[in-house]
Amino acid sequence: MFPFILKRFCYGILVLFGVILVVFFLFNVLPGDPARMMLGQRADSISVVTINKDLGRDKPLTMQFFNYLNDLSPVSMHNSTDKESFWYLDPVKYGKTLKLFSFGNSSLVLKEPYLRRSYQSKRNVSDILAEGFVNTIILALVAMTFAIAIGIVVGIICAIYKNTFIDRIALIFSVLGMSLPSFFVAILNAWIFAFLLARFTGLNMSGSLYGVDDFGRGSFLELKNLILPAITLGIRPLAIIVELTRNSLLEVMTQDYIRTAKAKGLSKPRIILKHALKNALNPVVTAISGWLASLLAGAVFVEFVFDWKGIGVVIVNALDKYDFPVVMGAVLFISIILIIINFFVDIIYGMLDPRIRLQ
């Protein structure tokens, strides 16, 4: 089992390195001068040169890339004495560090990954992403809970009433849920439930988890703003779970042990809930693990439509302002989450099915 885990871990590292490589070179060949973006109308040639030197953009691109890798790595090499050095261990940038050992002017340190600073707000990108990630993970978890609860129940009903009117209607909605783009569903839901039917639903077209009262006395929890984005984000995994639950349950119901349970005179609800369902949920659990990672990445459009203050809105605003460090940090952050989730899913697969370990 250990060689299998080690192999998957190495694959994850290689994928992450590939993402870093593509992200860095993609955003460093795009047009636009960060120094002029930061200075605005106050830009002059001397200030532009000074800021580009501070950002390290006066160095060759390969050196900038290795410095970027050094900043991202939790274990990195820095010059601890020369403040003019390109590799200087700046406490303002890197925060608290732990020196592992030193030789000459260089030190090997343990630190938090440094994702650079925003061109616009001058804040650390990690702080900006941390604020948005909390709202994004709440939205993704609520959307997934909604999809699981409704999807399994509807899938069971479709399997029980196979080829009936209920089954066909549910399958039509499942196909629509899988086919319609998230941004289109978001706009449609916002228009219907928060505009046309706002008088009856009381829902807003935009808003975040916390609202601010009109008198500025503080923020308050506003859970109703979570309803529409969570339902919109959960529609696609809901459709998948309905299909998987229905098909898997129908397959399990043809097994010999189910026929034996029927011959013993057990009731149909008991057979389904106690014997068939737990064996039919294996592919559903597999889909849930993959979709949770996809929801974190796919929440960008939904968050933007509903103005939900998560990573999606952060990315869109950063793109609009050409704030490349924020976009680069967000892409890397989402990629790391996907790699970690897929890593653990692969391990679970290997534990459940020895054939995967052998492959």
Foldseek 3Di string as FASTA:
>chain_A
DVVLLVVLVVVLVVVLVVLLVCLLVVLVPDDDQLQCLLCPPNDDPVSSVVVCVVLVVVDDSVVNSVLLVQLQDQWHKAQDPDPSDPRYPDCVQFPDWAFPDDDDRMTTIGGHRFLAAWSHPRHGLVVLQVVQAVQLLVLLVLLLVVLVVLLLVLLVVCQVVPPDPSVVVLLVLLVVLQPDALLVLLVVCLCVVAPVVCVPNVAHQADEQWDADPVRPDIDGDCSLSPSLSNSLNSNSSSVSSVQNNVLLNVQCPDPVVVVCVVVPDDPVCSSPPPRRVRSCVVVVLSSLLVSLVSSVSSLSNCVRRVYRHLNVQLVVCVVSVRSSNNSVSSSVSSSSNSVSVSVSLVVVCVVDVVSVVD
